[in-house]
């Protein structure tokens, strides 16, 4: 990423647990979103609703108007119900 992320591109970030990948990417998403660009953040880690609510309340809402965002919680949806 020497020249930065490409518009419309995808960034896959990997590394050892606990080194700050999620924190780094949430900070990047916040900065990009604050500039007016659209951001889609998808994480493969297990995140509880409590954790997501905390992130929204402490990190996102103070800086970004999220009133138009749509939220989907698929954590309790079985694969069978998606067919």
PDB file of N, CA and C in Angstrom:
ATOM      1  N   UNK A   1       0.829  -1.187   0.000  1.00  0.00           N
ATOM      2  CA  UNK A   1       0.000   0.000   0.000  1.00  0.00           C
ATOM      3  C   UNK A   1       0.871   1.247   0.000  1.00  0.00           C
ATOM      4  N   UNK A   2       1.947   1.204  -0.719  1.00  0.00           N
ATOM      5  CA  UNK A   2       2.853   2.345  -0.763  1.00  0.00           C
ATOM      6  C   UNK A   2       2.185   3.631  -1.214  1.00  0.00           C
ATOM      7  N   UNK A   3       1.222   3.523  -2.141  1.00  0.00           N
ATOM      8  CA  UNK A   3       0.530   4.708  -2.634  1.00  0.00           C
ATOM      9  C   UNK A   3      -0.819   4.924  -1.990  1.00  0.00           C
ATOM     10  N   UNK A   4      -1.140   4.123  -0.979  1.00  0.00           N
ATOM     11  CA  UNK A   4      -2.443   4.230  -0.327  1.00  0.00           C
ATOM     12  C   UNK A   4      -3.417   3.223  -0.896  1.00  0.00           C
ATOM     13  N   UNK A   5      -4.589   3.171  -0.329  1.00  0.00           N
ATOM     14  CA  UNK A   5      -5.623   2.253  -0.792  1.00  0.00           C
ATOM     15  C   UNK A   5      -6.250   2.805  -2.063  1.00  0.00           C
ATOM     16  N   UNK A   6      -6.533   1.935  -3.009  1.00  0.00           N
ATOM     17  CA  UNK A   6      -7.137   2.351  -4.272  1.00  0.00           C
ATOM     18  C   UNK A   6      -8.639   2.556  -4.083  1.00  0.00           C
ATOM     19  N   UNK A   7      -9.209   3.593  -4.695  1.00  0.00           N
ATOM     20  CA  UNK A   7     -10.655   3.785  -4.617  1.00  0.00           C
ATOM     21  C   UNK A   7     -11.387   2.539  -5.108  1.00  0.00           C
ATOM     22  N   UNK A   8     -12.358   2.079  -4.339  1.00  0.00           N
ATOM     23  CA  UNK A   8     -13.101   0.883  -4.688  1.00  0.00           C
ATOM     24  C   UNK A   8     -12.363  -0.400  -4.399  1.00  0.00           C
ATOM     25  N   UNK A   9     -11.195  -0.285  -3.809  1.00  0.00           N
ATOM     26  CA  UNK A   9     -10.375  -1.455  -3.530  1.00  0.00           C
ATOM     27  C   UNK A   9     -10.752  -2.122  -2.227  1.00  0.00           C
ATOM     28  N   UNK A  10     -10.086  -3.219  -1.968  1.00  0.00           N
ATOM     29  CA  UNK A  10     -10.298  -4.002  -0.758  1.00  0.00           C
ATOM     30  C   UNK A  10      -8.963  -4.141  -0.045  1.00  0.00           C
ATOM     31  N   UNK A  11      -8.974  -4.016   1.271  1.00  0.00           N
ATOM     32  CA  UNK A  11      -7.772  -4.193   2.066  1.00  0.00           C
ATOM     33  C   UNK A  11      -7.974  -5.399   2.965  1.00  0.00           C
ATOM     34  N   UNK A  12      -7.069  -6.355   2.884  1.00  0.00           N
ATOM     35  CA  UNK A  12      -7.086  -7.514   3.764  1.00  0.00           C
ATOM     36  C   UNK A  12      -5.889  -7.380   4.683  1.00  0.00           C
ATOM     37  N   UNK A  13      -6.147  -7.285   5.975  1.00  0.00           N
ATOM     38  CA  UNK A  13      -5.099  -7.087   6.966  1.00  0.00           C
ATOM     39  C   UNK A  13      -5.033  -8.315   7.855  1.00  0.00           C
ATOM     40  N   UNK A  14      -3.868  -8.898   7.975  1.00  0.00           N
ATOM     41  CA  UNK A  14      -3.697 -10.081   8.818  1.00  0.00           C
ATOM     42  C   UNK A  14      -2.577  -9.871   9.808  1.00  0.00           C
ATOM     43  N   UNK A  15      -2.503 -10.730  10.799  1.00  0.00           N
ATOM     44  CA  UNK A  15      -1.434 -10.650  11.791  1.00  0.00           C
ATOM     45  C   UNK A  15      -1.798 -11.424  13.031  1.00  0.00           C
ATOM     46  N   UNK A  16      -0.872 -11.463  13.946  1.00  0.00           N
ATOM     47  CA  UNK A  16      -1.058 -12.171  15.199  1.00  0.00           C
ATOM     48  C   UNK A  16      -2.169 -11.530  16.023  1.00  0.00           C
ATOM     49  N   UNK A  17      -2.873 -12.338  16.835  1.00  0.00           N
ATOM     50  CA  UNK A  17      -3.919 -11.795  17.704  1.00  0.00           C
ATOM     51  C   UNK A  17      -3.354 -10.759  18.681  1.00  0.00           C
ATOM     52  N   UNK A  18      -4.105  -9.690  18.878  1.00  0.00           N
ATOM     53  CA  UNK A  18      -3.761  -8.709  19.902  1.00  0.00           C
ATOM     54  C   UNK A  18      -2.769  -7.640  19.509  1.00  0.00           C
ATOM     55  N   UNK A  19      -2.387  -7.564  18.218  1.00  0.00           N
ATOM     56  CA  UNK A  19      -1.392  -6.553  17.844  1.00  0.00           C
ATOM     57  C   UNK A  19      -2.012  -5.227  17.424  1.00  0.00           C
ATOM     58  N   UNK A  20      -3.340  -5.157  17.372  1.00  0.00           N
ATOM     59  CA  UNK A  20      -4.002  -3.887  17.086  1.00  0.00           C
ATOM     60  C   UNK A  20      -4.581  -3.744  15.693  1.00  0.00           C
ATOM     61  N   UNK A  21      -4.815  -4.843  14.999  1.00  0.00           N
ATOM     62  CA  UNK A  21      -5.372  -4.776  13.638  1.00  0.00           C
ATOM     63  C   UNK A  21      -6.741  -4.108  13.638  1.00  0.00           C
ATOM     64  N   UNK A  22      -7.617  -4.547  14.515  1.00  0.00           N
ATOM     65  CA  UNK A  22      -8.974  -3.987  14.556  1.00  0.00           C
ATOM     66  C   UNK A  22      -8.944  -2.519  14.947  1.00  0.00           C
ATOM     67  N   UNK A  23      -8.135  -2.171  15.919  1.00  0.00           N
ATOM     68  CA  UNK A  23      -8.025  -0.776  16.346  1.00  0.00           C
ATOM     69  C   UNK A  23      -7.528   0.098  15.205  1.00  0.00           C
ATOM     70  N   UNK A  24      -6.501  -0.376  14.497  1.00  0.00           N
ATOM     71  CA  UNK A  24      -5.964   0.374  13.364  1.00  0.00           C
ATOM     72  C   UNK A  24      -7.025   0.575  12.289  1.00  0.00           C
ATOM     73  N   UNK A  25      -7.720  -0.488  11.918  1.00  0.00           N
ATOM     74  CA  UNK A  25      -8.695  -0.372  10.837  1.00  0.00           C
ATOM     75  C   UNK A  25      -9.925   0.441  11.234  1.00  0.00           C
ATOM     76  N   UNK A  26     -10.329   0.380  12.501  1.00  0.00           N
ATOM     77  CA  UNK A  26     -11.435   1.233  12.950  1.00  0.00           C
ATOM     78  C   UNK A  26     -11.036   2.705  12.900  1.00  0.00           C
ATOM     79  N   UNK A  27      -9.789   3.009  13.238  1.00  0.00           N
ATOM     80  CA  UNK A  27      -9.311   4.390  13.166  1.00  0.00           C
ATOM     81  C   UNK A  27      -9.246   4.866  11.717  1.00  0.00           C
ATOM     82  N   UNK A  28      -8.797   3.993  10.809  1.00  0.00           N
ATOM     83  CA  UNK A  28      -8.761   4.333   9.383  1.00  0.00           C
ATOM     84  C   UNK A  28     -10.186   4.555   8.874  1.00  0.00           C
ATOM     85  N   UNK A  29     -11.099   3.640   9.212  1.00  0.00           N
ATOM     86  CA  UNK A  29     -12.493   3.766   8.768  1.00  0.00           C
ATOM     87  C   UNK A  29     -13.113   5.061   9.290  1.00  0.00           C
ATOM     88  N   UNK A  30     -12.830   5.411  10.534  1.00  0.00           N
ATOM     89  CA  UNK A  30     -13.348   6.648  11.114  1.00  0.00           C
ATOM     90  C   UNK A  30     -12.827   7.865  10.358  1.00  0.00           C
ATOM     91  N   UNK A  31     -11.529   7.881  10.066  1.00  0.00           N
ATOM     92  CA  UNK A  31     -10.940   9.019   9.355  1.00  0.00           C
ATOM     93  C   UNK A  31     -11.490   9.135   7.935  1.00  0.00           C
ATOM     94  N   UNK A  32     -11.600   8.022   7.242  1.00  0.00           N
ATOM     95  CA  UNK A  32     -12.118   8.042   5.873  1.00  0.00           C
ATOM     96  C   UNK A  32     -13.593   8.449   5.878  1.00  0.00           C
ATOM     97  N   UNK A  33     -14.370   7.901   6.803  1.00  0.00           N
ATOM     98  CA  UNK A  33     -15.777   8.255   6.905  1.00  0.00           C
ATOM     99  C   UNK A  33     -15.989   9.717   7.258  1.00  0.00           C
ATOM    100  N   UNK A  34     -15.128  10.240   8.108  1.00  0.00           N
ATOM    101  CA  UNK A  34     -15.243  11.648   8.504  1.00  0.00           C
ATOM    102  C   UNK A  34     -14.969  12.580   7.333  1.00  0.00           C
ATOM    103  N   UNK A  35     -14.230  12.088   6.333  1.00  0.00           N
ATOM    104  CA  UNK A  35     -13.944  12.914   5.154  1.00  0.00           C
ATOM    105  C   UNK A  35     -15.126  12.952   4.189  1.00  0.00           C
ATOM    106  N   UNK A  36     -16.159  12.149   4.475  1.00  0.00           N
ATOM    107  CA  UNK A  36     -17.344  12.125   3.629  1.00  0.00           C
ATOM    108  C   UNK A  36     -17.414  10.918   2.723  1.00  0.00           C
ATOM    109  N   UNK A  37     -16.363  10.118   2.690  1.00  0.00           N
ATOM    110  CA  UNK A  37     -16.360   8.925   1.840  1.00  0.00           C
ATOM    111  C   UNK A  37     -17.166   7.814   2.495  1.00  0.00           C
ATOM    112  N   UNK A  38     -17.685   6.912   1.672  1.00  0.00           N
ATOM    113  CA  UNK A  38     -18.415   5.765   2.195  1.00  0.00           C
ATOM    114  C   UNK A  38     -17.411   4.696   2.613  1.00  0.00           C
ATOM    115  N   UNK A  39     -17.688   4.066   3.744  1.00  0.00           N
ATOM    116  CA  UNK A  39     -16.811   3.033   4.267  1.00  0.00           C
ATOM    117  C   UNK A  39     -17.646   1.819   4.635  1.00  0.00           C
ATOM    118  N   UNK A  40     -17.172   0.665   4.239  1.00  0.00           N
ATOM    119  CA  UNK A  40     -17.769  -0.588   4.672  1.00  0.00           C
ATOM    120  C   UNK A  40     -16.700  -1.326   5.440  1.00  0.00           C
ATOM    121  N   UNK A  41     -16.950  -1.574   6.717  1.00  0.00           N
ATOM    122  CA  UNK A  41     -15.995  -2.276   7.575  1.00  0.00           C
ATOM    123  C   UNK A  41     -16.563  -3.643   7.890  1.00  0.00           C
ATOM    124  N   UNK A  42     -15.843  -4.676   7.478  1.00  0.00           N
ATOM    125  CA  UNK A  42     -16.254  -6.046   7.768  1.00  0.00           C
ATOM    126  C   UNK A  42     -15.115  -6.712   8.499  1.00  0.00           C
ATOM    127  N   UNK A  43     -15.434  -7.303   9.622  1.00  0.00           N
ATOM    128  CA  UNK A  43     -14.408  -7.967  10.422  1.00  0.00           C
ATOM    129  C   UNK A  43     -14.752  -9.436  10.564  1.00  0.00           C
ATOM    130  N   UNK A  44     -13.738 -10.268  10.461  1.00  0.00           N
ATOM    131  CA  UNK A  44     -13.945 -11.701  10.605  1.00  0.00           C
ATOM    132  C   UNK A  44     -13.851 -12.183  12.030  1.00  0.00           C
ATOM    133  N   UNK A  45     -13.592 -11.280  12.933  1.00  0.00           N
ATOM    134  CA  UNK A  45     -13.493 -11.674  14.330  1.00  0.00           C
ATOM    135  C   UNK A  45     -14.879 -11.813  14.937  1.00  0.00           C
ATOM    136  N   UNK A  46     -14.951 -12.489  16.032  1.00  0.00           N
ATOM    137  CA  UNK A  46     -16.227 -12.598  16.733  1.00  0.00           C
ATOM    138  C   UNK A  46     -16.423 -11.341  17.566  1.00  0.00           C
ATOM    139  N   UNK A  47     -17.513 -10.648  17.303  1.00  0.00           N
ATOM    140  CA  UNK A  47     -17.779  -9.415  18.025  1.00  0.00           C
ATOM    141  C   UNK A  47     -19.184  -9.483  18.606  1.00  0.00           C
ATOM    142  N   UNK A  48     -19.298  -9.258  19.871  1.00  0.00           N
ATOM    143  CA  UNK A  48     -20.611  -9.279  20.511  1.00  0.00           C
ATOM    144  C   UNK A  48     -21.353  -7.976  20.222  1.00  0.00           C
ATOM    145  N   UNK A  49     -22.653  -8.000  20.373  1.00  0.00           N
ATOM    146  CA  UNK A  49     -23.443  -6.779  20.199  1.00  0.00           C
ATOM    147  C   UNK A  49     -22.989  -5.712  21.187  1.00  0.00           C
ATOM    148  N   UNK A  50     -22.641  -6.135  22.395  1.00  0.00           N
ATOM    149  CA  UNK A  50     -22.158  -5.181  23.398  1.00  0.00           C
ATOM    150  C   UNK A  50     -20.902  -4.469  22.895  1.00  0.00           C
ATOM    151  N   UNK A  51     -19.971  -5.218  22.311  1.00  0.00           N
ATOM    152  CA  UNK A  51     -18.736  -4.629  21.807  1.00  0.00           C
ATOM    153  C   UNK A  51     -19.039  -3.653  20.682  1.00  0.00           C
ATOM    154  N   UNK A  52     -19.915  -4.028  19.760  1.00  0.00           N
ATOM    155  CA  UNK A  52     -20.262  -3.142  18.649  1.00  0.00           C
ATOM    156  C   UNK A  52     -20.938  -1.875  19.144  1.00  0.00           C
ATOM    157  N   UNK A  53     -21.840  -1.998  20.102  1.00  0.00           N
ATOM    158  CA  UNK A  53     -22.497  -0.818  20.671  1.00  0.00           C
ATOM    159  C   UNK A  53     -21.480   0.107  21.325  1.00  0.00           C
ATOM    160  N   UNK A  54     -20.514  -0.478  22.025  1.00  0.00           N
ATOM    161  CA  UNK A  54     -19.470   0.318  22.678  1.00  0.00           C
ATOM    162  C   UNK A  54     -18.646   1.075  21.647  1.00  0.00           C
ATOM    163  N   UNK A  55     -18.260   0.399  20.573  1.00  0.00           N
ATOM    164  CA  UNK A  55     -17.486   1.043  19.516  1.00  0.00           C
ATOM    165  C   UNK A  55     -18.281   2.195  18.903  1.00  0.00           C
ATOM    166  N   UNK A  56     -19.565   1.946  18.620  1.00  0.00           N
ATOM    167  CA  UNK A  56     -20.395   3.005  18.044  1.00  0.00           C
ATOM    168  C   UNK A  56     -20.503   4.204  18.972  1.00  0.00           C
ATOM    169  N   UNK A  57     -20.787   3.951  20.234  1.00  0.00           N
ATOM    170  CA  UNK A  57     -21.015   5.046  21.186  1.00  0.00           C
ATOM    171  C   UNK A  57     -19.734   5.810  21.533  1.00  0.00           C
ATOM    172  N   UNK A  58     -18.627   5.123  21.686  1.00  0.00           N
ATOM    173  CA  UNK A  58     -17.391   5.762  22.153  1.00  0.00           C
ATOM    174  C   UNK A  58     -16.513   6.297  21.021  1.00  0.00           C
ATOM    175  N   UNK A  59     -16.502   5.636  19.884  1.00  0.00           N
ATOM    176  CA  UNK A  59     -15.560   6.006  18.833  1.00  0.00           C
ATOM    177  C   UNK A  59     -16.207   6.638  17.615  1.00  0.00           C
ATOM    178  N   UNK A  60     -17.401   6.174  17.254  1.00  0.00           N
ATOM    179  CA  UNK A  60     -17.977   6.600  15.983  1.00  0.00           C
ATOM    180  C   UNK A  60     -18.925   7.789  16.154  1.00  0.00           C
ATOM    181  N   UNK A  61     -19.972   7.642  16.979  1.00  0.00           N
ATOM    182  CA  UNK A  61     -20.995   8.689  17.114  1.00  0.00           C
ATOM    183  C   UNK A  61     -20.435  10.063  17.494  1.00  0.00           C
ATOM    184  N   UNK A  62     -19.404  10.151  18.329  1.00  0.00           N
ATOM    185  CA  UNK A  62     -18.900  11.489  18.650  1.00  0.00           C
ATOM    186  C   UNK A  62     -18.303  12.225  17.445  1.00  0.00           C
ATOM    187  N   UNK A  63     -17.995  11.496  16.373  1.00  0.00           N
ATOM    188  CA  UNK A  63     -17.296  12.108  15.245  1.00  0.00           C
ATOM    189  C   UNK A  63     -18.063  12.068  13.926  1.00  0.00           C
ATOM    190  N   UNK A  64     -19.011  11.138  13.810  1.00  0.00           N
ATOM    191  CA  UNK A  64     -19.682  10.915  12.526  1.00  0.00           C
ATOM    192  C   UNK A  64     -21.189  10.813  12.754  1.00  0.00           C
ATOM    193  N   UNK A  65     -21.957  11.455  11.879  1.00  0.00           N
ATOM    194  CA  UNK A  65     -23.419  11.326  11.925  1.00  0.00           C
ATOM    195  C   UNK A  65     -23.785   9.979  11.297  1.00  0.00           C
ATOM    196  N   UNK A  66     -24.262   9.060  12.111  1.00  0.00           N
ATOM    197  CA  UNK A  66     -24.583   7.728  11.603  1.00  0.00           C
ATOM    198  C   UNK A  66     -26.097   7.513  11.496  1.00  0.00           C
ATOM    199  N   UNK A  67     -26.854   8.595  11.504  1.00  0.00           N
ATOM    200  CA  UNK A  67     -28.313   8.470  11.486  1.00  0.00           C
ATOM    201  C   UNK A  67     -28.824   7.795  10.215  1.00  0.00           C
ATOM    202  N   UNK A  68     -28.088   7.885   9.124  1.00  0.00           N
ATOM    203  CA  UNK A  68     -28.533   7.270   7.878  1.00  0.00           C
ATOM    204  C   UNK A  68     -27.949   5.878   7.656  1.00  0.00           C
ATOM    205  N   UNK A  69     -27.125   5.406   8.570  1.00  0.00           N
ATOM    206  CA  UNK A  69     -26.513   4.084   8.429  1.00  0.00           C
ATOM    207  C   UNK A  69     -27.559   3.000   8.647  1.00  0.00           C
ATOM    208  N   UNK A  70     -27.358   1.882   7.988  1.00  0.00           N
ATOM    209  CA  UNK A  70     -28.207   0.714   8.193  1.00  0.00           C
ATOM    210  C   UNK A  70     -27.374  -0.344   8.898  1.00  0.00           C
ATOM    211  N   UNK A  71     -27.948  -1.002   9.892  1.00  0.00           N
ATOM    212  CA  UNK A  71     -27.234  -2.009  10.664  1.00  0.00           C
ATOM    213  C   UNK A  71     -27.924  -3.354  10.490  1.00  0.00           C
ATOM    214  N   UNK A  72     -27.134  -4.370  10.304  1.00  0.00           N
ATOM    215  CA  UNK A  72     -27.648  -5.723  10.158  1.00  0.00           C
ATOM    216  C   UNK A  72     -26.901  -6.624  11.125  1.00  0.00           C
ATOM    217  N   UNK A  73     -27.602  -7.260  12.003  1.00  0.00           N
ATOM    218  CA  UNK A  73     -27.004  -8.206  12.953  1.00  0.00           C
ATOM    219  C   UNK A  73     -27.356  -9.610  12.486  1.00  0.00           C
ATOM    220  N   UNK A  74     -26.383 -10.298  11.944  1.00  0.00           N
ATOM    221  CA  UNK A  74     -26.605 -11.641  11.425  1.00  0.00           C
ATOM    222  C   UNK A  74     -26.096 -12.706  12.375  1.00  0.00           C
ATOM    223  N   UNK A  75     -25.732 -12.302  13.578  1.00  0.00           N
ATOM    224  CA  UNK A  75     -25.105 -13.234  14.506  1.00  0.00           C
ATOM    225  C   UNK A  75     -26.040 -14.351  14.955  1.00  0.00           C
ATOM    226  N   UNK A  76     -27.343 -14.136  14.908  1.00  0.00           N
ATOM    227  CA  UNK A  76     -28.287 -15.148  15.378  1.00  0.00           C
ATOM    228  C   UNK A  76     -29.063 -15.782  14.227  1.00  0.00           C
ATOM    229  N   UNK A  77     -28.626 -15.549  13.019  1.00  0.00           N
ATOM    230  CA  UNK A  77     -29.315 -16.093  11.852  1.00  0.00           C
ATOM    231  C   UNK A  77     -28.630 -17.399  11.453  1.00  0.00           C
ATOM    232  N   UNK A  78     -29.412 -18.442  11.352  1.00  0.00           N
ATOM    233  CA  UNK A  78     -28.838 -19.723  10.932  1.00  0.00           C
ATOM    234  C   UNK A  78     -28.740 -19.751   9.410  1.00  0.00           C
ATOM    235  N   UNK A  79     -27.829 -20.552   8.899  1.00  0.00           N
ATOM    236  CA  UNK A  79     -27.682 -20.687   7.453  1.00  0.00           C
ATOM    237  C   UNK A  79     -28.970 -21.196   6.816  1.00  0.00           C
ATOM    238  N   UNK A  80     -29.663 -22.064   7.506  1.00  0.00           N
ATOM    239  CA  UNK A  80     -30.898 -22.636   6.977  1.00  0.00           C
ATOM    240  C   UNK A  80     -31.943 -21.552   6.720  1.00  0.00           C
ATOM    241  N   UNK A  81     -32.001 -20.545   7.579  1.00  0.00           N
ATOM    242  CA  UNK A  81     -33.015 -19.499   7.421  1.00  0.00           C
ATOM    243  C   UNK A  81     -32.671 -18.548   6.279  1.00  0.00           C
ATOM    244  N   UNK A  82     -31.434 -18.575   5.789  1.00  0.00           N
ATOM    245  CA  UNK A  82     -31.040 -17.711   4.690  1.00  0.00           C
ATOM    246  C   UNK A  82     -31.377 -18.312   3.322  1.00  0.00           C
ATOM    247  N   UNK A  83     -31.756 -19.578   3.286  1.00  0.00           N
ATOM    248  CA  UNK A  83     -32.055 -20.255   2.006  1.00  0.00           C
ATOM    249  C   UNK A  83     -33.399 -19.902   1.479  1.00  0.00           C
TER     250      UNK A  83
END
